[in-house]
Protein backbone atom coordinates (compact mmCIF):
# COMPACT_ATOMS: atom_id res chain seq x y z
CA MET A 1 0.23 -0.06 -0.19
CA ALA A 2 0.90 3.42 -0.63
CA VAL A 3 2.13 6.22 1.92
CA VAL A 4 0.38 9.51 1.69
CA VAL A 5 2.63 11.99 2.72
CA PHE A 6 0.49 15.68 3.80
CA CYS A 7 1.02 18.74 5.50
CA ASN A 8 1.01 19.00 9.55
CA ASP A 9 -1.01 21.65 11.58
CA TYR A 10 1.66 24.86 11.74
CA LEU A 11 -0.59 25.09 15.33
CA ALA A 12 -0.71 21.42 16.27
CA PRO A 13 2.36 19.73 14.54
CA ARG A 14 0.71 16.09 15.37
CA ALA A 15 -2.16 16.83 13.71
CA VAL A 16 -2.92 16.83 9.40
CA ASP A 17 -3.12 20.32 7.92
CA PRO A 18 -7.06 21.50 8.57
CA ASP A 19 -7.15 22.28 4.66
CA PHE A 20 -6.02 17.88 3.77
CA SER A 21 -7.97 16.92 6.79
CA ALA A 22 -10.88 15.49 4.85
CA GLU A 23 -8.41 13.65 2.17
CA TYR A 24 -6.28 12.32 5.56
CA ASP A 25 -9.30 11.31 6.88
CA ALA A 26 -10.29 9.26 3.28
CA ALA A 27 -6.81 7.98 2.66
CA ARG A 28 -6.27 6.33 6.12
CA ALA A 29 -9.87 4.82 5.73
CA ALA A 30 -9.32 3.29 2.79
CA GLY A 31 -5.75 1.94 4.22
CA PHE A 32 -3.22 3.89 3.54
CA ASP A 33 -0.48 4.72 5.49
CA THR A 34 0.27 8.42 6.08
CA LEU A 35 2.60 10.74 6.95
CA LEU A 36 2.85 14.19 8.15
CA VAL A 37 5.90 16.84 6.86
CA SER A 38 6.20 20.38 8.12
CA TYR A 39 5.39 22.44 5.01
CA GLU A 40 7.50 25.04 7.01
CA ASP A 41 10.36 23.42 7.20
CA LEU A 42 10.61 22.28 3.99
CA THR A 43 9.83 25.50 2.64
CA LYS A 44 12.96 27.14 4.74
CA GLY A 45 15.21 24.15 3.30
CA LEU A 46 15.14 22.06 6.73
CA GLY A 47 13.69 19.67 4.58
CA LEU A 48 12.14 17.02 7.40
CA SER A 49 14.41 18.56 10.10
CA ARG A 50 11.54 17.34 12.97
CA PRO A 51 12.19 14.22 13.85
CA VAL A 52 8.59 11.03 12.85
CA LYS A 53 7.81 8.97 15.77
CA GLY A 54 8.25 6.01 15.62
CA GLN A 55 8.87 3.76 12.70
CA PRO A 56 7.34 5.35 9.26
CA PRO A 57 5.69 3.45 6.72
CA ARG A 58 7.90 2.59 3.78
CA GLY A 59 7.21 1.93 0.30
CA PRO A 60 5.92 4.24 -2.47
CA GLY A 61 4.69 7.37 -1.41
CA ILE A 62 2.58 10.31 -3.17
CA TYR A 63 2.80 13.65 -1.93
CA ARG A 64 -0.57 15.79 -0.95
CA GLY A 65 0.36 19.17 0.28
CA TRP A 66 0.56 22.82 -0.47
CA MET A 67 2.76 23.52 -3.84
CA LEU A 68 6.44 23.17 -3.02
CA THR A 69 9.13 24.64 -5.46
CA PRO A 70 10.81 21.87 -7.23
CA GLU A 71 13.94 22.41 -5.13
CA HIS A 72 12.15 21.77 -2.09
CA TYR A 73 10.48 19.03 -3.58
CA GLY A 74 13.10 17.42 -4.15
CA GLN A 75 14.78 17.93 -0.77
CA LEU A 76 11.83 16.08 0.41
CA TYR A 77 12.03 13.41 -2.07
CA ARG A 78 15.59 12.79 -1.08
CA ALA A 79 14.46 13.03 2.64
CA LEU A 80 11.90 10.61 1.94
CA GLU A 81 13.91 8.46 0.06
CA GLU A 82 16.16 7.90 3.22
CA LEU A 83 13.46 6.24 5.31
CA GLY A 84 12.41 4.32 2.17
CA ILE A 85 9.39 5.69 0.84
CA ARG A 86 10.04 7.11 -3.02
CA LEU A 87 7.31 9.50 -3.90
CA VAL A 88 5.87 8.67 -7.39
CA ASN A 89 6.97 11.63 -8.85
CA SER A 90 10.58 12.55 -9.14
CA PRO A 91 11.91 15.88 -8.67
CA THR A 92 12.67 15.62 -12.75
CA GLU A 93 8.59 14.86 -13.27
CA TYR A 94 7.78 17.45 -10.55
CA ALA A 95 10.05 20.41 -11.85
CA HIS A 96 8.30 19.91 -15.40
CA THR A 97 4.77 19.57 -13.97
CA HIS A 98 5.01 22.61 -12.28
CA TYR A 99 5.68 24.56 -14.84
């Protein structure tokens, strides 16, 4: 099963961003693993600077969050790859569709 990566809530980092809560709930109800990342950290170039609690899920991944620059997406892609999650869109593919 794929991992769906969502942005967390800035004010409640252990919760999903409220704008994505319905999608987060639907993904979990459908049996997908989920992972939260900080959009603010990503856009500051900090990558996944906050530790992931417990053992993160592994496997193919889908990013469902706020738009990132291709550079920040590349940082996210590489950081998730180190955790065993490979996003379905490579940084090159993301950059191509971003523009």
